[in-house]
Amino acid sequence: MREATVTRKTKETDVSVRLCLDGGDVSVETGIGFFDHMLTAFAVHGGFGLSVRVRGDLEVDGHHTVEDTGIVLGKALGEALGDKSGIARFGSFYIPMDESLAFAAVDVSGRSFLRFQADFSQERCGEYDVCLTEEFFRALAMNAGVTLHLRLEYGQNAHHEAEALFKAAAHALRLAVSEKKGLLSTKGVL
């Protein structure tokens, strides 16, 4: 199975992630309820097995918890993919979430890049600052070595807007890591 377990401990956070690209149980505890909901949706819609345990300095705010979770999940994704041979490499997906519509495109290329376009309708969902969505996906893309484009087309409810982005990214990534023969590169290496 394509899986990895990565931990990272700093003065601000203690993060442990187990990721299986081929499915499995999902369990998420970050201390931020809405973020737990988003990571659970990401795993379920991506068809991934995922265990996330985070202790962060939430007395400050959620920034370190969210960003460091993205770092560790990104590293786990990179490790689980190994040399990236035998994957489709590219994936894109639209997700409608009630009044909201989001789009994601990914290239598992070994080249880290994020293009993020989203104007959220509200600043918060529960204890989660929606501006941290970009921080999470930047950390994920940079540490996984993927090119990720995310765009919120429109919406009126920040819960639906953020959830559509997480689900779109999950579906695009699921397609990109699906198994194919060979290495999809004219260079012969990713």
N, C-alpha and C. Protein backbone atom coordinates (compact mmCIF):
# COMPACT_ATOMS: atom_id res chain seq x y z
N MET A 1 0.84 -1.20 0.00
CA MET A 1 0.00 0.00 0.00
C MET A 1 0.88 1.25 0.00
N ARG A 2 0.33 2.30 -0.58
CA ARG A 2 1.04 3.57 -0.64
C ARG A 2 0.65 4.38 0.59
N GLU A 3 1.55 4.36 1.57
CA GLU A 3 1.23 5.03 2.82
C GLU A 3 2.48 5.60 3.46
N ALA A 4 2.27 6.50 4.42
CA ALA A 4 3.38 7.10 5.15
C ALA A 4 2.86 7.62 6.49
N THR A 5 3.76 7.64 7.46
CA THR A 5 3.49 8.24 8.75
C THR A 5 4.58 9.27 9.01
N VAL A 6 4.17 10.50 9.32
CA VAL A 6 5.12 11.58 9.55
C VAL A 6 4.71 12.32 10.82
N THR A 7 5.72 12.66 11.62
CA THR A 7 5.48 13.48 12.82
C THR A 7 6.40 14.69 12.77
N ARG A 8 5.96 15.74 13.46
CA ARG A 8 6.75 16.97 13.53
C ARG A 8 6.41 17.66 14.84
N LYS A 9 7.45 17.98 15.61
CA LYS A 9 7.23 18.64 16.89
C LYS A 9 8.05 19.92 16.94
N THR A 10 7.37 21.03 17.23
CA THR A 10 8.03 22.33 17.39
C THR A 10 7.58 22.92 18.73
N LYS A 11 8.03 24.12 19.02
CA LYS A 11 7.58 24.80 20.24
C LYS A 11 6.11 25.21 20.14
N GLU A 12 5.57 25.23 18.90
CA GLU A 12 4.20 25.67 18.68
C GLU A 12 3.21 24.53 18.49
N THR A 13 3.68 23.43 17.89
CA THR A 13 2.76 22.33 17.58
C THR A 13 3.44 20.97 17.72
N ASP A 14 2.62 19.96 17.87
CA ASP A 14 3.03 18.55 17.85
C ASP A 14 2.04 17.86 16.92
N VAL A 15 2.51 17.48 15.73
CA VAL A 15 1.63 16.97 14.68
C VAL A 15 2.04 15.56 14.29
N SER A 16 1.05 14.67 14.20
CA SER A 16 1.27 13.30 13.73
C SER A 16 0.22 12.99 12.66
N VAL A 17 0.71 12.51 11.50
CA VAL A 17 -0.19 12.19 10.38
C VAL A 17 0.15 10.81 9.84
N ARG A 18 -0.87 10.00 9.65
CA ARG A 18 -0.75 8.74 8.91
C ARG A 18 -1.67 8.85 7.72
N LEU A 19 -1.11 8.63 6.52
CA LEU A 19 -1.87 8.75 5.29
C LEU A 19 -1.72 7.48 4.47
N CYS A 20 -2.84 6.95 3.99
CA CYS A 20 -2.84 5.83 3.07
C CYS A 20 -3.63 6.25 1.84
N LEU A 21 -2.96 6.31 0.69
CA LEU A 21 -3.61 6.76 -0.54
C LEU A 21 -4.65 5.77 -1.05
N ASP A 22 -4.61 4.54 -0.54
CA ASP A 22 -5.51 3.50 -1.03
C ASP A 22 -6.69 3.22 -0.10
N GLY A 23 -6.94 4.14 0.83
CA GLY A 23 -8.12 4.02 1.68
C GLY A 23 -7.80 3.59 3.09
N GLY A 24 -8.83 3.56 3.90
CA GLY A 24 -8.69 3.17 5.30
C GLY A 24 -9.53 4.05 6.20
N ASP A 25 -9.34 3.86 7.49
CA ASP A 25 -10.10 4.62 8.48
C ASP A 25 -9.69 6.09 8.46
N VAL A 26 -10.61 6.93 8.94
CA VAL A 26 -10.37 8.37 9.03
C VAL A 26 -10.63 8.82 10.45
N SER A 27 -9.63 9.47 11.04
CA SER A 27 -9.74 9.99 12.39
C SER A 27 -8.93 11.28 12.47
N VAL A 28 -9.59 12.38 12.87
CA VAL A 28 -8.93 13.68 12.87
C VAL A 28 -9.21 14.41 14.18
N GLU A 29 -8.15 14.87 14.84
CA GLU A 29 -8.28 15.67 16.07
C GLU A 29 -7.23 16.77 16.05
N THR A 30 -7.66 17.99 15.70
CA THR A 30 -6.73 19.12 15.67
C THR A 30 -7.00 20.15 16.76
N GLY A 31 -8.16 20.05 17.40
CA GLY A 31 -8.55 21.06 18.38
C GLY A 31 -9.38 22.18 17.77
N ILE A 32 -9.54 22.15 16.44
CA ILE A 32 -10.37 23.15 15.74
C ILE A 32 -11.46 22.37 15.01
N GLY A 33 -12.66 22.43 15.53
CA GLY A 33 -13.76 21.61 15.01
C GLY A 33 -14.00 21.72 13.52
N PHE A 34 -14.04 22.93 12.99
CA PHE A 34 -14.30 23.09 11.57
C PHE A 34 -13.15 22.53 10.73
N PHE A 35 -11.92 22.71 11.18
CA PHE A 35 -10.76 22.17 10.47
C PHE A 35 -10.81 20.64 10.48
N ASP A 36 -11.22 20.05 11.60
CA ASP A 36 -11.41 18.59 11.65
C ASP A 36 -12.42 18.16 10.59
N HIS A 37 -13.51 18.90 10.47
CA HIS A 37 -14.55 18.62 9.48
C HIS A 37 -13.98 18.69 8.06
N MET A 38 -13.13 19.70 7.79
CA MET A 38 -12.55 19.86 6.45
C MET A 38 -11.57 18.73 6.13
N LEU A 39 -10.73 18.36 7.09
CA LEU A 39 -9.77 17.27 6.86
C LEU A 39 -10.47 15.93 6.70
N THR A 40 -11.55 15.74 7.45
CA THR A 40 -12.33 14.51 7.30
C THR A 40 -12.96 14.46 5.90
N ALA A 41 -13.53 15.58 5.46
CA ALA A 41 -14.10 15.64 4.11
C ALA A 41 -13.02 15.39 3.06
N PHE A 42 -11.84 15.97 3.25
CA PHE A 42 -10.72 15.78 2.33
C PHE A 42 -10.37 14.29 2.21
N ALA A 43 -10.28 13.61 3.33
CA ALA A 43 -9.93 12.18 3.33
C ALA A 43 -11.03 11.34 2.69
N VAL A 44 -12.27 11.57 3.09
CA VAL A 44 -13.39 10.78 2.58
C VAL A 44 -13.54 10.98 1.07
N HIS A 45 -13.49 12.22 0.61
CA HIS A 45 -13.68 12.49 -0.82
C HIS A 45 -12.47 12.12 -1.65
N GLY A 46 -11.30 12.06 -1.03
CA GLY A 46 -10.12 11.60 -1.74
C GLY A 46 -9.97 10.09 -1.74
N GLY A 47 -10.77 9.43 -0.90
CA GLY A 47 -10.66 7.98 -0.76
C GLY A 47 -9.40 7.57 -0.01
N PHE A 48 -8.94 8.44 0.90
CA PHE A 48 -7.71 8.21 1.63
C PHE A 48 -7.99 7.71 3.04
N GLY A 49 -7.11 6.88 3.55
CA GLY A 49 -7.07 6.58 4.97
C GLY A 49 -6.27 7.71 5.61
N LEU A 50 -6.77 8.27 6.70
CA LEU A 50 -6.09 9.42 7.30
C LEU A 50 -6.27 9.44 8.80
N SER A 51 -5.16 9.58 9.49
CA SER A 51 -5.18 9.81 10.93
C SER A 51 -4.37 11.07 11.19
N VAL A 52 -4.98 12.05 11.86
CA VAL A 52 -4.32 13.31 12.18
C VAL A 52 -4.50 13.59 13.66
N ARG A 53 -3.39 13.83 14.35
CA ARG A 53 -3.42 14.23 15.77
C ARG A 53 -2.56 15.46 15.90
N VAL A 54 -3.15 16.55 16.42
CA VAL A 54 -2.41 17.80 16.55
C VAL A 54 -2.64 18.39 17.94
N ARG A 55 -1.55 18.82 18.55
CA ARG A 55 -1.62 19.67 19.74
C ARG A 55 -0.93 20.96 19.34
N GLY A 56 -1.70 22.05 19.34
CA GLY A 56 -1.14 23.32 18.91
C GLY A 56 -1.40 24.42 19.91
N ASP A 57 -0.76 25.55 19.69
CA ASP A 57 -0.91 26.70 20.58
C ASP A 57 -2.18 27.48 20.25
N LEU A 58 -3.31 26.81 20.44
CA LEU A 58 -4.60 27.42 20.10
C LEU A 58 -4.94 28.61 20.99
N GLU A 59 -4.22 28.77 22.11
CA GLU A 59 -4.43 29.96 22.93
C GLU A 59 -3.96 31.21 22.19
N VAL A 60 -3.08 31.03 21.19
CA VAL A 60 -2.64 32.14 20.34
C VAL A 60 -3.68 32.35 19.25
N ASP A 61 -3.83 31.36 18.39
CA ASP A 61 -4.87 31.27 17.36
C ASP A 61 -4.65 29.96 16.62
N GLY A 62 -5.36 29.75 15.52
CA GLY A 62 -5.27 28.49 14.81
C GLY A 62 -4.20 28.41 13.75
N HIS A 63 -3.48 29.51 13.50
CA HIS A 63 -2.55 29.56 12.38
C HIS A 63 -1.50 28.45 12.40
N HIS A 64 -0.79 28.30 13.50
CA HIS A 64 0.28 27.30 13.57
C HIS A 64 -0.27 25.89 13.42
N THR A 65 -1.41 25.63 14.03
CA THR A 65 -2.04 24.31 13.94
C THR A 65 -2.39 23.97 12.50
N VAL A 66 -3.02 24.90 11.81
CA VAL A 66 -3.47 24.65 10.44
C VAL A 66 -2.27 24.53 9.49
N GLU A 67 -1.35 25.49 9.56
CA GLU A 67 -0.20 25.46 8.66
C GLU A 67 0.68 24.23 8.89
N ASP A 68 0.97 23.92 10.16
CA ASP A 68 1.84 22.78 10.45
C ASP A 68 1.18 21.46 10.07
N THR A 69 -0.14 21.38 10.17
CA THR A 69 -0.85 20.19 9.69
C THR A 69 -0.66 20.05 8.18
N GLY A 70 -0.73 21.16 7.46
CA GLY A 70 -0.48 21.14 6.02
C GLY A 70 0.93 20.69 5.69
N ILE A 71 1.90 21.15 6.46
CA ILE A 71 3.29 20.74 6.26
C ILE A 71 3.43 19.24 6.41
N VAL A 72 2.92 18.71 7.51
CA VAL A 72 3.10 17.28 7.80
C VAL A 72 2.29 16.41 6.85
N LEU A 73 1.06 16.82 6.52
CA LEU A 73 0.27 16.06 5.55
C LEU A 73 0.94 16.09 4.18
N GLY A 74 1.51 17.23 3.81
CA GLY A 74 2.23 17.32 2.55
C GLY A 74 3.43 16.39 2.51
N LYS A 75 4.20 16.35 3.58
CA LYS A 75 5.35 15.44 3.65
C LYS A 75 4.89 13.98 3.56
N ALA A 76 3.79 13.65 4.24
CA ALA A 76 3.26 12.28 4.18
C ALA A 76 2.82 11.94 2.76
N LEU A 77 2.18 12.88 2.09
CA LEU A 77 1.76 12.64 0.71
C LEU A 77 2.96 12.38 -0.18
N GLY A 78 3.99 13.20 -0.05
CA GLY A 78 5.20 13.01 -0.84
C GLY A 78 5.84 11.66 -0.59
N GLU A 79 5.92 11.25 0.66
CA GLU A 79 6.50 9.94 1.00
C GLU A 79 5.65 8.79 0.48
N ALA A 80 4.34 8.93 0.60
CA ALA A 80 3.44 7.86 0.15
C ALA A 80 3.53 7.66 -1.37
N LEU A 81 3.85 8.71 -2.09
CA LEU A 81 3.95 8.62 -3.55
C LEU A 81 5.28 8.06 -4.04
N GLY A 82 6.28 8.03 -3.17
CA GLY A 82 7.57 7.49 -3.56
C GLY A 82 8.15 8.20 -4.76
N ASP A 83 8.53 7.44 -5.81
CA ASP A 83 9.12 8.05 -7.01
C ASP A 83 8.06 8.53 -8.00
N LYS A 84 6.80 8.43 -7.64
CA LYS A 84 5.66 8.90 -8.41
C LYS A 84 5.40 8.10 -9.68
N SER A 85 6.08 6.99 -9.84
CA SER A 85 5.79 6.16 -11.02
C SER A 85 4.46 5.44 -10.80
N GLY A 86 3.76 5.19 -11.90
CA GLY A 86 2.52 4.45 -11.84
C GLY A 86 1.32 5.24 -11.38
N ILE A 87 1.36 6.60 -11.53
CA ILE A 87 0.20 7.42 -11.18
C ILE A 87 -0.26 8.20 -12.42
N ALA A 88 -1.50 8.64 -12.38
CA ALA A 88 -2.06 9.43 -13.48
C ALA A 88 -1.41 10.81 -13.58
N ARG A 89 -0.91 11.32 -12.49
CA ARG A 89 -0.17 12.57 -12.36
C ARG A 89 -1.07 13.80 -12.31
N PHE A 90 -2.04 13.92 -13.21
CA PHE A 90 -2.90 15.10 -13.28
C PHE A 90 -4.31 14.78 -12.81
N GLY A 91 -4.97 15.76 -12.23
CA GLY A 91 -6.37 15.62 -11.87
C GLY A 91 -7.00 16.99 -11.73
N SER A 92 -8.27 17.09 -12.08
CA SER A 92 -9.00 18.34 -11.88
C SER A 92 -10.46 17.99 -11.58
N PHE A 93 -11.11 18.90 -10.85
CA PHE A 93 -12.47 18.59 -10.40
C PHE A 93 -13.19 19.86 -9.99
N TYR A 94 -14.50 19.92 -10.28
CA TYR A 94 -15.40 20.96 -9.78
C TYR A 94 -16.26 20.36 -8.68
N ILE A 95 -16.51 21.13 -7.63
CA ILE A 95 -17.45 20.71 -6.58
C ILE A 95 -18.48 21.81 -6.37
N PRO A 96 -19.76 21.49 -6.57
CA PRO A 96 -20.82 22.42 -6.17
C PRO A 96 -21.23 22.10 -4.73
N MET A 97 -21.34 23.10 -3.92
CA MET A 97 -21.77 22.95 -2.53
C MET A 97 -22.88 23.96 -2.32
N ASP A 98 -24.11 23.53 -2.53
CA ASP A 98 -25.25 24.45 -2.47
C ASP A 98 -25.00 25.64 -3.39
N GLU A 99 -24.90 26.85 -2.84
CA GLU A 99 -24.74 28.05 -3.67
C GLU A 99 -23.29 28.30 -4.10
N SER A 100 -22.36 27.49 -3.60
CA SER A 100 -20.94 27.69 -3.87
C SER A 100 -20.43 26.72 -4.93
N LEU A 101 -19.42 27.16 -5.66
CA LEU A 101 -18.77 26.31 -6.65
C LEU A 101 -17.26 26.52 -6.58
N ALA A 102 -16.52 25.41 -6.47
CA ALA A 102 -15.06 25.49 -6.39
C ALA A 102 -14.43 24.56 -7.41
N PHE A 103 -13.22 24.92 -7.84
CA PHE A 103 -12.47 24.15 -8.83
C PHE A 103 -11.06 23.89 -8.30
N ALA A 104 -10.54 22.70 -8.58
CA ALA A 104 -9.16 22.35 -8.23
C ALA A 104 -8.52 21.62 -9.39
N ALA A 105 -7.23 21.91 -9.60
CA ALA A 105 -6.42 21.18 -10.58
C ALA A 105 -5.07 20.90 -9.93
N VAL A 106 -4.56 19.68 -10.13
CA VAL A 106 -3.29 19.29 -9.50
C VAL A 106 -2.41 18.57 -10.50
N ASP A 107 -1.11 18.80 -10.36
CA ASP A 107 -0.08 18.08 -11.11
C ASP A 107 0.92 17.57 -10.07
N VAL A 108 1.00 16.26 -9.95
CA VAL A 108 1.96 15.65 -9.02
C VAL A 108 3.29 15.55 -9.77
N SER A 109 3.97 16.68 -9.83
CA SER A 109 5.11 16.86 -10.71
C SER A 109 6.46 16.89 -10.01
N GLY A 110 6.46 17.05 -8.70
CA GLY A 110 7.71 17.29 -8.00
C GLY A 110 8.05 18.77 -7.95
N ARG A 111 7.22 19.59 -8.57
CA ARG A 111 7.42 21.05 -8.56
C ARG A 111 6.32 21.67 -7.70
N SER A 112 6.72 22.31 -6.63
CA SER A 112 5.78 22.88 -5.67
C SER A 112 5.29 24.25 -6.12
N PHE A 113 3.97 24.39 -6.17
CA PHE A 113 3.37 25.67 -6.55
C PHE A 113 1.93 25.69 -6.08
N LEU A 114 1.47 26.85 -5.64
CA LEU A 114 0.06 27.03 -5.31
C LEU A 114 -0.45 28.30 -5.96
N ARG A 115 -1.57 28.19 -6.62
CA ARG A 115 -2.34 29.35 -7.11
C ARG A 115 -3.69 29.25 -6.41
N PHE A 116 -4.00 30.23 -5.57
CA PHE A 116 -5.21 30.18 -4.73
C PHE A 116 -6.01 31.44 -4.98
N GLN A 117 -7.25 31.27 -5.41
CA GLN A 117 -8.16 32.39 -5.66
C GLN A 117 -9.45 32.14 -4.91
N ALA A 118 -9.67 32.91 -3.86
CA ALA A 118 -10.92 32.75 -3.10
C ALA A 118 -11.19 34.01 -2.29
N ASP A 119 -12.36 34.54 -2.45
CA ASP A 119 -12.86 35.63 -1.61
C ASP A 119 -14.01 35.06 -0.80
N PHE A 120 -13.74 34.79 0.47
CA PHE A 120 -14.74 34.16 1.33
C PHE A 120 -15.79 35.17 1.78
N SER A 121 -17.02 34.72 1.92
CA SER A 121 -18.14 35.59 2.28
C SER A 121 -18.12 36.00 3.75
N GLN A 122 -17.57 35.17 4.62
CA GLN A 122 -17.42 35.50 6.03
C GLN A 122 -15.97 35.20 6.43
N GLU A 123 -15.54 35.76 7.56
CA GLU A 123 -14.16 35.59 8.01
C GLU A 123 -13.94 34.30 8.80
N ARG A 124 -14.99 33.77 9.41
CA ARG A 124 -14.81 32.62 10.30
C ARG A 124 -15.91 31.59 10.11
N CYS A 125 -15.54 30.35 10.39
CA CYS A 125 -16.49 29.25 10.53
C CYS A 125 -16.17 28.63 11.88
N GLY A 126 -17.00 28.89 12.86
CA GLY A 126 -16.70 28.44 14.22
C GLY A 126 -15.41 29.09 14.70
N GLU A 127 -14.46 28.28 15.14
CA GLU A 127 -13.16 28.78 15.62
C GLU A 127 -12.11 28.80 14.52
N TYR A 128 -12.52 28.61 13.28
CA TYR A 128 -11.60 28.53 12.15
C TYR A 128 -11.63 29.82 11.34
N ASP A 129 -10.48 30.45 11.18
CA ASP A 129 -10.35 31.62 10.31
C ASP A 129 -10.22 31.11 8.88
N VAL A 130 -11.18 31.44 8.02
CA VAL A 130 -11.17 30.87 6.67
C VAL A 130 -9.96 31.30 5.85
N CYS A 131 -9.30 32.40 6.22
CA CYS A 131 -8.08 32.80 5.52
C CYS A 131 -6.98 31.74 5.68
N LEU A 132 -7.08 30.89 6.70
CA LEU A 132 -6.09 29.84 6.92
C LEU A 132 -6.20 28.72 5.88
N THR A 133 -7.28 28.70 5.12
CA THR A 133 -7.43 27.70 4.07
C THR A 133 -6.29 27.81 3.07
N GLU A 134 -5.95 29.02 2.68
CA GLU A 134 -4.83 29.22 1.76
C GLU A 134 -3.51 28.78 2.40
N GLU A 135 -3.32 29.08 3.68
CA GLU A 135 -2.09 28.68 4.38
C GLU A 135 -1.95 27.16 4.41
N PHE A 136 -3.06 26.47 4.66
CA PHE A 136 -3.04 25.01 4.69
C PHE A 136 -2.63 24.45 3.33
N PHE A 137 -3.29 24.91 2.28
CA PHE A 137 -3.00 24.36 0.95
C PHE A 137 -1.62 24.76 0.45
N ARG A 138 -1.11 25.93 0.83
CA ARG A 138 0.25 26.30 0.46
C ARG A 138 1.24 25.34 1.13
N ALA A 139 1.07 25.10 2.41
CA ALA A 139 1.96 24.19 3.13
C ALA A 139 1.88 22.78 2.56
N LEU A 140 0.67 22.33 2.23
CA LEU A 140 0.48 21.00 1.64
C LEU A 140 1.21 20.90 0.30
N ALA A 141 0.98 21.85 -0.60
CA ALA A 141 1.58 21.80 -1.94
C ALA A 141 3.10 21.88 -1.87
N MET A 142 3.63 22.79 -1.05
CA MET A 142 5.07 22.99 -0.98
C MET A 142 5.78 21.76 -0.42
N ASN A 143 5.16 21.09 0.53
CA ASN A 143 5.81 19.94 1.16
C ASN A 143 5.55 18.62 0.46
N ALA A 144 4.51 18.57 -0.36
CA ALA A 144 4.23 17.35 -1.14
C ALA A 144 4.92 17.37 -2.49
N GLY A 145 5.34 18.56 -2.94
CA GLY A 145 5.94 18.68 -4.26
C GLY A 145 4.91 18.59 -5.37
N VAL A 146 3.77 19.26 -5.17
CA VAL A 146 2.72 19.25 -6.18
C VAL A 146 2.41 20.68 -6.61
N THR A 147 1.91 20.81 -7.82
CA THR A 147 1.37 22.06 -8.31
C THR A 147 -0.14 21.99 -8.09
N LEU A 148 -0.68 22.98 -7.39
CA LEU A 148 -2.09 22.97 -7.03
C LEU A 148 -2.72 24.32 -7.36
N HIS A 149 -3.78 24.28 -8.13
CA HIS A 149 -4.56 25.48 -8.43
C HIS A 149 -5.94 25.29 -7.80
N LEU A 150 -6.35 26.26 -7.00
CA LEU A 150 -7.66 26.23 -6.35
C LEU A 150 -8.36 27.55 -6.62
N ARG A 151 -9.63 27.44 -7.00
CA ARG A 151 -10.39 28.65 -7.31
C ARG A 151 -11.82 28.51 -6.80
N LEU A 152 -12.22 29.48 -6.01
CA LEU A 152 -13.62 29.57 -5.59
C LEU A 152 -14.32 30.41 -6.64
N GLU A 153 -15.22 29.79 -7.38
CA GLU A 153 -15.92 30.49 -8.46
C GLU A 153 -16.90 31.51 -7.90
N TYR A 154 -17.68 31.08 -6.91
CA TYR A 154 -18.64 31.96 -6.27
C TYR A 154 -19.24 31.25 -5.07
N GLY A 155 -19.96 32.00 -4.25
CA GLY A 155 -20.64 31.46 -3.07
C GLY A 155 -21.13 32.58 -2.18
N GLN A 156 -21.86 32.20 -1.14
CA GLN A 156 -22.40 33.18 -0.20
C GLN A 156 -22.21 32.75 1.25
N ASN A 157 -21.76 31.53 1.48
CA ASN A 157 -21.62 30.99 2.82
C ASN A 157 -20.21 30.42 2.95
N ALA A 158 -19.42 30.97 3.87
CA ALA A 158 -18.01 30.58 3.99
C ALA A 158 -17.85 29.09 4.30
N HIS A 159 -18.78 28.50 5.03
CA HIS A 159 -18.72 27.07 5.31
C HIS A 159 -18.77 26.29 3.99
N HIS A 160 -19.73 26.61 3.15
CA HIS A 160 -19.85 25.92 1.87
C HIS A 160 -18.67 26.22 0.95
N GLU A 161 -18.20 27.46 0.98
CA GLU A 161 -17.08 27.86 0.12
C GLU A 161 -15.82 27.09 0.47
N ALA A 162 -15.46 27.06 1.76
CA ALA A 162 -14.26 26.34 2.19
C ALA A 162 -14.40 24.85 1.95
N GLU A 163 -15.56 24.30 2.27
CA GLU A 163 -15.77 22.86 2.10
C GLU A 163 -15.69 22.46 0.63
N ALA A 164 -16.22 23.29 -0.25
CA ALA A 164 -16.12 22.99 -1.69
C ALA A 164 -14.67 22.97 -2.14
N LEU A 165 -13.83 23.87 -1.61
CA LEU A 165 -12.41 23.88 -1.96
C LEU A 165 -11.69 22.62 -1.47
N PHE A 166 -11.94 22.22 -0.23
CA PHE A 166 -11.31 21.01 0.31
C PHE A 166 -11.74 19.78 -0.48
N LYS A 167 -13.02 19.69 -0.80
CA LYS A 167 -13.52 18.52 -1.54
C LYS A 167 -13.02 18.51 -2.98
N ALA A 168 -12.96 19.67 -3.62
CA ALA A 168 -12.44 19.75 -4.98
C ALA A 168 -10.98 19.31 -5.01
N ALA A 169 -10.19 19.79 -4.05
CA ALA A 169 -8.78 19.39 -3.97
C ALA A 169 -8.65 17.89 -3.75
N ALA A 170 -9.49 17.33 -2.91
CA ALA A 170 -9.44 15.90 -2.63
C ALA A 170 -9.73 15.07 -3.87
N HIS A 171 -10.77 15.45 -4.60
CA HIS A 171 -11.14 14.70 -5.81
C HIS A 171 -10.07 14.83 -6.89
N ALA A 172 -9.52 16.04 -7.06
CA ALA A 172 -8.45 16.23 -8.04
C ALA A 172 -7.22 15.40 -7.68
N LEU A 173 -6.88 15.38 -6.41
CA LEU A 173 -5.73 14.60 -5.95
C LEU A 173 -5.99 13.10 -6.10
N ARG A 174 -7.21 12.67 -5.80
CA ARG A 174 -7.57 11.26 -5.97
C ARG A 174 -7.35 10.83 -7.41
N LEU A 175 -7.75 11.66 -8.36
CA LEU A 175 -7.55 11.35 -9.77
C LEU A 175 -6.06 11.33 -10.12
N ALA A 176 -5.31 12.29 -9.60
CA ALA A 176 -3.89 12.40 -9.93
C ALA A 176 -3.07 11.23 -9.39
N VAL A 177 -3.45 10.69 -8.23
CA VAL A 177 -2.66 9.59 -7.64
C VAL A 177 -3.22 8.22 -8.02
N SER A 178 -4.29 8.21 -8.84
CA SER A 178 -4.82 6.92 -9.27
C SER A 178 -3.76 6.18 -10.08
N GLU A 179 -3.80 4.87 -10.00
CA GLU A 179 -2.73 4.06 -10.58
C GLU A 179 -2.84 3.93 -12.09
N LYS A 180 -1.72 4.15 -12.74
CA LYS A 180 -1.56 4.01 -14.20
C LYS A 180 -0.23 3.32 -14.43
N LYS A 181 -0.05 2.77 -15.60
CA LYS A 181 1.23 2.12 -15.92
C LYS A 181 2.25 3.16 -16.32
N GLY A 182 3.49 2.92 -15.90
CA GLY A 182 4.60 3.76 -16.34
C GLY A 182 4.71 5.07 -15.61
N LEU A 183 5.54 5.95 -16.17
CA LEU A 183 5.79 7.27 -15.60
C LEU A 183 5.36 8.31 -16.63
N LEU A 184 4.39 9.14 -16.28
CA LEU A 184 3.83 10.10 -17.22
C LEU A 184 4.71 11.36 -17.27
N SER A 185 5.81 11.25 -18.03
CA SER A 185 6.73 12.36 -18.19
C SER A 185 7.57 12.16 -19.44
N THR A 186 7.67 13.18 -20.28
CA THR A 186 8.54 13.08 -21.47
C THR A 186 10.00 13.11 -21.06
N LYS A 187 10.30 13.60 -19.85
CA LYS A 187 11.67 13.63 -19.35
C LYS A 187 12.12 12.28 -18.82
N GLY A 188 11.13 11.44 -18.47
CA GLY A 188 11.43 10.14 -17.90
C GLY A 188 11.61 10.16 -16.40
N VAL A 189 11.37 11.32 -15.78
CA VAL A 189 11.50 11.45 -14.34
C VAL A 189 10.60 12.60 -13.86
N LEU A 190 10.07 12.45 -12.64
CA LEU A 190 9.30 13.54 -12.02
C LEU A 190 10.07 14.05 -10.82
